[in-house]
N, C-alpha and C. Protein backbone atom coordinates (compact mmCIF):
# COMPACT_ATOMS: atom_id res chain seq x y z
N MET A 1 43.03 52.24 42.17
CA MET A 1 41.77 51.36 41.96
C MET A 1 42.11 49.77 41.86
N LYS A 2 41.45 49.16 42.72
CA LYS A 2 41.55 47.78 42.85
C LYS A 2 41.14 46.99 41.54
N ASN A 3 41.88 46.06 41.36
CA ASN A 3 41.73 45.11 39.94
C ASN A 3 40.57 44.62 39.90
N LYS A 4 40.24 43.89 38.70
CA LYS A 4 38.57 43.25 38.78
C LYS A 4 38.48 41.75 39.45
N TRP A 5 39.69 41.41 39.50
CA TRP A 5 39.60 40.11 40.16
C TRP A 5 39.37 40.40 41.70
N VAL A 6 39.96 41.32 42.19
CA VAL A 6 39.57 41.77 43.68
C VAL A 6 38.26 42.05 44.03
N ARG A 7 37.58 42.85 43.11
CA ARG A 7 36.21 43.39 43.30
C ARG A 7 35.30 41.97 43.03
N ALA A 8 35.63 41.24 42.29
CA ALA A 8 34.99 39.96 41.81
C ALA A 8 34.99 39.22 43.00
N GLU A 9 35.95 38.91 43.79
CA GLU A 9 36.00 38.02 44.87
C GLU A 9 35.21 38.61 46.16
N PHE A 10 35.32 40.17 46.10
CA PHE A 10 34.46 40.90 47.07
C PHE A 10 33.11 40.65 46.90
N ARG A 11 32.62 40.73 45.75
CA ARG A 11 31.22 40.71 45.39
C ARG A 11 30.53 39.06 45.58
N LYS A 12 31.62 38.19 45.27
CA LYS A 12 31.18 36.82 45.74
C LYS A 12 31.11 36.30 47.13
N GLN A 13 32.24 37.11 47.94
CA GLN A 13 31.80 36.74 49.26
C GLN A 13 30.78 37.68 49.93
N ALA A 14 30.54 38.59 49.48
CA ALA A 14 29.34 39.46 49.85
C ALA A 14 27.92 38.62 49.54
N THR A 15 28.19 38.25 48.46
CA THR A 15 26.85 37.29 48.23
C THR A 15 26.69 36.00 49.04
N ARG A 16 27.72 35.38 49.12
CA ARG A 16 27.85 34.00 49.98
C ARG A 16 27.54 34.40 51.46
N LYS A 17 27.82 35.61 51.80
CA LYS A 17 27.52 35.97 53.26
C LYS A 17 26.11 35.97 53.52
N ARG A 18 25.45 37.09 52.41
CA ARG A 18 23.98 36.95 52.49
C ARG A 18 23.14 35.42 52.21
N LEU A 19 23.82 34.69 51.61
CA LEU A 19 23.14 33.42 51.45
C LEU A 19 23.45 32.34 52.78
N PHE A 20 24.40 32.59 53.20
CA PHE A 20 24.93 31.78 54.63
C PHE A 20 23.76 32.17 55.73
N GLU A 21 23.55 33.48 56.02
CA GLU A 21 22.86 33.74 56.87
C GLU A 21 21.21 33.10 56.65
N HIS A 22 20.82 32.59 55.63
CA HIS A 22 19.63 32.11 55.45
C HIS A 22 19.84 30.42 54.92
N ARG A 23 20.93 30.00 55.17
CA ARG A 23 21.16 28.57 54.82
C ARG A 23 20.11 27.57 55.50
N GLY A 24 19.86 26.70 54.66
CA GLY A 24 18.98 25.49 55.07
C GLY A 24 17.43 25.93 55.04
N GLU A 25 17.00 27.02 54.67
CA GLU A 25 15.64 27.59 54.67
C GLU A 25 15.06 26.98 53.18
N ARG A 26 15.88 27.29 52.05
CA ARG A 26 15.66 26.97 50.98
C ARG A 26 16.72 26.38 50.08
N PRO A 27 16.41 25.87 48.95
CA PRO A 27 17.66 25.35 48.03
C PRO A 27 17.89 26.65 47.50
N ARG A 28 19.33 26.44 46.85
CA ARG A 28 19.82 27.39 46.15
C ARG A 28 20.23 27.30 44.68
N LEU A 29 19.62 28.11 43.95
CA LEU A 29 19.91 28.41 42.46
C LEU A 29 21.07 29.10 42.17
N THR A 30 22.09 28.29 41.92
CA THR A 30 23.38 28.94 41.64
C THR A 30 23.76 28.87 40.06
N VAL A 31 24.45 29.71 39.90
CA VAL A 31 24.85 30.07 38.27
C VAL A 31 26.24 30.07 38.02
N HIS A 32 26.66 29.50 37.20
CA HIS A 32 28.26 29.79 36.71
C HIS A 32 28.07 30.25 35.30
N ARG A 33 28.99 31.36 34.85
CA ARG A 33 28.95 31.88 33.46
C ARG A 33 30.42 31.80 33.08
N SER A 34 30.74 31.13 31.92
CA SER A 34 31.92 30.96 31.41
C SER A 34 31.79 31.98 30.15
N LEU A 35 33.21 32.10 29.27
CA LEU A 35 33.19 32.81 28.44
C LEU A 35 32.21 32.35 27.32
N LYS A 36 32.05 30.95 27.17
CA LYS A 36 31.35 30.08 26.31
C LYS A 36 29.89 29.63 26.65
N TYR A 37 29.77 29.18 27.82
CA TYR A 37 28.48 28.55 28.24
C TYR A 37 28.10 29.15 29.53
N ILE A 38 26.73 28.68 29.76
CA ILE A 38 26.51 29.23 31.10
C ILE A 38 25.47 27.85 31.91
N TYR A 39 25.82 27.87 33.03
CA TYR A 39 25.40 26.56 33.95
C TYR A 39 24.39 26.96 35.17
N ALA A 40 23.54 26.20 35.45
CA ALA A 40 22.85 26.58 36.65
C ALA A 40 22.48 25.29 37.21
N GLN A 41 22.35 25.25 38.64
CA GLN A 41 21.92 24.08 39.45
C GLN A 41 21.19 24.58 40.75
N VAL A 42 20.14 23.72 41.20
CA VAL A 42 19.41 23.86 42.31
C VAL A 42 20.08 23.02 43.20
N ILE A 43 20.53 23.40 44.39
CA ILE A 43 21.44 22.82 45.31
C ILE A 43 20.89 22.77 46.76
N ASP A 44 20.57 21.78 47.31
CA ASP A 44 20.17 21.87 48.67
C ASP A 44 21.08 21.33 49.56
N ASP A 45 21.63 22.53 50.08
CA ASP A 45 22.63 22.49 51.05
C ASP A 45 22.48 21.75 52.33
N ALA A 46 21.28 21.58 52.82
CA ALA A 46 21.35 20.79 53.77
C ALA A 46 21.64 19.50 53.87
N LYS A 47 21.09 18.79 52.84
CA LYS A 47 21.46 17.53 52.25
C LYS A 47 22.77 17.33 51.47
N GLY A 48 23.14 18.23 51.01
CA GLY A 48 24.34 18.40 50.15
C GLY A 48 24.03 17.63 48.73
N VAL A 49 22.97 17.82 48.30
CA VAL A 49 22.65 17.16 47.01
C VAL A 49 22.20 18.31 45.90
N THR A 50 22.59 17.85 44.61
CA THR A 50 21.96 18.66 43.39
C THR A 50 20.34 18.33 43.10
N LEU A 51 19.84 19.07 43.23
CA LEU A 51 18.15 18.65 42.98
C LEU A 51 18.04 18.70 41.26
N ALA A 52 18.67 19.80 40.88
CA ALA A 52 18.34 20.22 39.16
C ALA A 52 19.53 20.67 38.73
N ALA A 53 19.51 20.46 37.42
CA ALA A 53 20.90 21.13 36.76
C ALA A 53 20.68 21.38 35.34
N ALA A 54 21.10 22.47 34.77
CA ALA A 54 20.71 22.62 33.32
C ALA A 54 22.27 23.59 32.80
N SER A 55 22.58 23.29 31.52
CA SER A 55 23.29 24.13 30.93
C SER A 55 23.34 24.15 29.43
N SER A 56 24.09 25.11 28.97
CA SER A 56 23.81 25.47 27.61
C SER A 56 24.53 24.23 26.80
N LEU A 57 25.18 23.30 27.33
CA LEU A 57 25.83 22.18 26.86
C LEU A 57 24.88 20.76 26.68
N ASP A 58 23.88 21.03 27.43
CA ASP A 58 22.65 19.88 27.41
C ASP A 58 22.50 19.48 25.97
N PRO A 59 22.37 18.35 25.51
CA PRO A 59 22.04 17.92 24.02
C PRO A 59 20.73 18.64 23.65
N GLU A 60 19.74 18.60 24.37
CA GLU A 60 18.39 19.34 23.99
C GLU A 60 18.47 20.64 23.59
N LEU A 61 19.21 21.31 24.46
CA LEU A 61 19.41 22.62 24.43
C LEU A 61 20.43 23.08 23.44
N ARG A 62 21.06 22.30 23.15
CA ARG A 62 22.32 22.57 21.85
C ARG A 62 21.67 22.66 20.65
N LYS A 63 20.92 21.81 20.39
CA LYS A 63 20.10 21.83 19.11
C LYS A 63 19.38 22.99 18.95
N ALA A 64 18.83 23.52 19.80
CA ALA A 64 17.91 24.71 19.78
C ALA A 64 18.73 26.10 19.77
N LEU A 65 19.92 25.92 20.15
CA LEU A 65 20.68 27.40 20.24
C LEU A 65 21.42 27.53 19.15
N LYS A 66 21.69 28.88 18.51
CA LYS A 66 22.33 29.17 17.55
C LYS A 66 24.10 29.48 18.34
N SER A 67 23.81 30.11 19.36
CA SER A 67 24.96 30.68 20.21
C SER A 67 24.84 30.02 21.54
N HIS A 68 25.93 29.57 22.19
CA HIS A 68 26.02 28.98 23.41
C HIS A 68 26.03 30.31 24.36
N GLN A 69 26.63 31.34 24.08
CA GLN A 69 26.98 32.45 24.82
C GLN A 69 25.99 33.57 24.79
N SER A 70 24.74 33.41 24.38
CA SER A 70 23.86 34.57 24.19
C SER A 70 23.11 34.52 25.44
N VAL A 71 22.13 35.66 25.30
CA VAL A 71 20.94 35.89 26.43
C VAL A 71 20.15 35.09 25.97
N ASP A 72 19.96 34.50 24.88
CA ASP A 72 18.94 33.56 24.47
C ASP A 72 18.93 32.13 25.03
N ALA A 73 20.51 31.75 24.95
CA ALA A 73 20.98 30.57 25.47
C ALA A 73 20.57 30.58 27.29
N ALA A 74 21.01 31.74 27.87
CA ALA A 74 20.70 31.93 29.08
C ALA A 74 19.08 31.58 29.54
N LYS A 75 18.42 32.38 28.78
CA LYS A 75 16.76 31.97 28.94
C LYS A 75 16.53 30.71 28.83
N LYS A 76 16.81 29.90 27.84
CA LYS A 76 16.72 28.47 27.64
C LYS A 76 17.05 27.76 28.93
N VAL A 77 18.30 28.07 29.41
CA VAL A 77 18.92 27.24 30.78
C VAL A 77 18.06 27.35 31.94
N GLY A 78 17.58 28.87 31.99
CA GLY A 78 16.53 29.43 32.83
C GLY A 78 15.36 28.45 33.29
N GLU A 79 14.91 28.45 31.74
CA GLU A 79 13.59 27.74 31.84
C GLU A 79 13.91 26.21 32.10
N SER A 80 14.84 25.61 31.52
CA SER A 80 15.27 24.23 31.70
C SER A 80 15.34 24.08 33.29
N VAL A 81 16.08 24.54 33.75
CA VAL A 81 16.49 24.31 35.23
C VAL A 81 15.22 24.47 36.04
N ALA A 82 14.37 25.48 35.77
CA ALA A 82 13.09 25.77 36.58
C ALA A 82 12.20 24.59 36.29
N ALA A 83 12.31 24.20 35.33
CA ALA A 83 11.14 22.88 34.82
C ALA A 83 11.60 21.60 35.57
N LYS A 84 13.01 21.68 35.68
CA LYS A 84 13.59 20.33 36.43
C LYS A 84 13.19 20.32 37.90
N ALA A 85 13.51 21.61 38.23
CA ALA A 85 13.27 21.87 39.84
C ALA A 85 11.83 21.73 40.14
N VAL A 86 10.99 22.11 39.52
CA VAL A 86 9.62 22.05 39.87
C VAL A 86 9.29 20.54 39.73
N LYS A 87 9.69 20.01 38.78
CA LYS A 87 9.50 18.33 38.66
C LYS A 87 10.00 17.93 39.92
N ALA A 88 11.14 18.24 40.45
CA ALA A 88 11.56 17.63 41.71
C ALA A 88 11.06 18.03 42.96
N GLY A 89 9.91 18.90 42.74
CA GLY A 89 9.41 19.38 43.86
C GLY A 89 9.57 20.85 44.73
N VAL A 90 10.56 21.60 43.95
CA VAL A 90 11.15 22.74 44.58
C VAL A 90 10.26 23.85 43.72
N LYS A 91 9.91 24.60 44.67
CA LYS A 91 9.15 25.79 44.16
C LYS A 91 10.09 27.16 44.32
N LYS A 92 10.36 27.24 45.84
CA LYS A 92 10.93 28.34 46.34
C LYS A 92 12.49 28.22 46.37
N VAL A 93 13.45 28.92 45.86
CA VAL A 93 14.90 28.99 45.95
C VAL A 93 15.54 30.25 46.35
N THR A 94 16.71 30.18 46.61
CA THR A 94 17.37 31.31 46.94
C THR A 94 18.42 31.67 45.58
N PHE A 95 18.55 32.88 45.13
CA PHE A 95 19.41 33.07 43.89
C PHE A 95 20.55 33.36 44.46
N ASP A 96 21.69 32.49 43.87
CA ASP A 96 23.01 32.82 44.02
C ASP A 96 23.76 33.18 42.83
N ARG A 97 23.95 34.18 42.73
CA ARG A 97 24.73 34.83 41.41
C ARG A 97 26.33 34.83 41.49
N GLY A 98 26.74 34.47 42.79
CA GLY A 98 28.29 34.37 42.90
C GLY A 98 28.70 35.66 42.76
N GLN A 99 29.83 35.77 41.77
CA GLN A 99 30.85 37.05 41.80
C GLN A 99 29.99 37.72 40.47
N TYR A 100 29.02 37.19 40.04
CA TYR A 100 28.44 37.97 38.39
C TYR A 100 27.47 38.91 39.00
N VAL A 101 27.69 40.18 37.98
CA VAL A 101 26.89 41.15 38.45
C VAL A 101 25.42 40.75 37.89
N TYR A 102 24.20 41.20 38.41
CA TYR A 102 23.06 40.97 38.04
C TYR A 102 22.57 41.90 36.97
N HIS A 103 22.94 41.35 35.69
CA HIS A 103 22.93 41.98 34.37
C HIS A 103 23.43 40.98 33.24
N GLY A 104 22.50 41.23 32.12
CA GLY A 104 22.87 40.59 30.94
C GLY A 104 22.40 39.21 31.03
N ARG A 105 23.23 38.28 31.04
CA ARG A 105 22.96 36.56 31.08
C ARG A 105 22.46 36.29 32.11
N ILE A 106 23.02 36.60 33.09
CA ILE A 106 22.61 36.40 34.50
C ILE A 106 21.29 36.72 34.91
N LYS A 107 20.77 37.97 34.56
CA LYS A 107 19.48 38.70 34.63
C LYS A 107 18.54 37.83 33.79
N ALA A 108 18.89 37.53 32.54
CA ALA A 108 17.91 36.75 31.76
C ALA A 108 17.83 35.30 32.28
N LEU A 109 18.74 34.57 32.66
CA LEU A 109 18.54 33.28 33.57
C LEU A 109 17.49 33.41 34.41
N ALA A 110 17.85 34.29 35.45
CA ALA A 110 16.95 34.49 36.53
C ALA A 110 15.32 34.93 36.33
N ASP A 111 15.31 35.89 35.15
CA ASP A 111 14.00 36.27 34.93
C ASP A 111 13.01 35.03 33.94
N ALA A 112 14.01 34.19 33.23
CA ALA A 112 13.37 33.01 32.72
C ALA A 112 12.70 31.77 33.87
N ALA A 113 13.69 31.94 34.62
CA ALA A 113 13.54 30.72 36.01
C ALA A 113 12.22 31.12 36.70
N ARG A 114 12.06 32.44 37.01
CA ARG A 114 11.09 33.12 37.54
C ARG A 114 9.75 32.68 36.64
N ALA A 115 9.67 32.93 35.57
CA ALA A 115 8.52 32.96 34.60
C ALA A 115 8.35 31.53 34.57
N ALA A 116 9.25 30.48 34.61
CA ALA A 116 8.79 29.03 34.61
C ALA A 116 8.33 28.62 35.91
N GLY A 117 8.19 29.27 36.97
CA GLY A 117 7.64 28.68 38.00
C GLY A 117 8.47 28.73 39.46
N LEU A 118 9.71 29.28 39.29
CA LEU A 118 10.45 29.22 40.48
C LEU A 118 10.24 30.52 41.14
N GLU A 119 10.01 30.78 42.44
CA GLU A 119 9.82 31.67 43.20
C GLU A 119 11.04 32.23 44.22
N PHE A 120 11.87 33.38 43.92
CA PHE A 120 12.97 33.69 44.66
C PHE A 120 13.04 35.29 44.64
């Protein structure tokens, strides 16, 4: 059995390959999950700029959260990044989950971003 880092790298490369096929069509909503925090960015790869970003470390979210590593924190980050993206004029994005399985905090962030107005 391959170790978990090899499988994670495979998932990451498979996700990036699918995203690379459609590059430039839409901005990319990318997610990074650490053991303590969760981060999300909307990146325009054609221009090489970040259009919107949010994390569980943001001061306005920090006060509202009991734990930074919970599903509730991921939902708040998803709502926040979606609101910032819509304010920047972005409605349609491509979801880049990276090496993470679409489950738990990643799924909660994606569902909250969809509910707040992003389409992917």
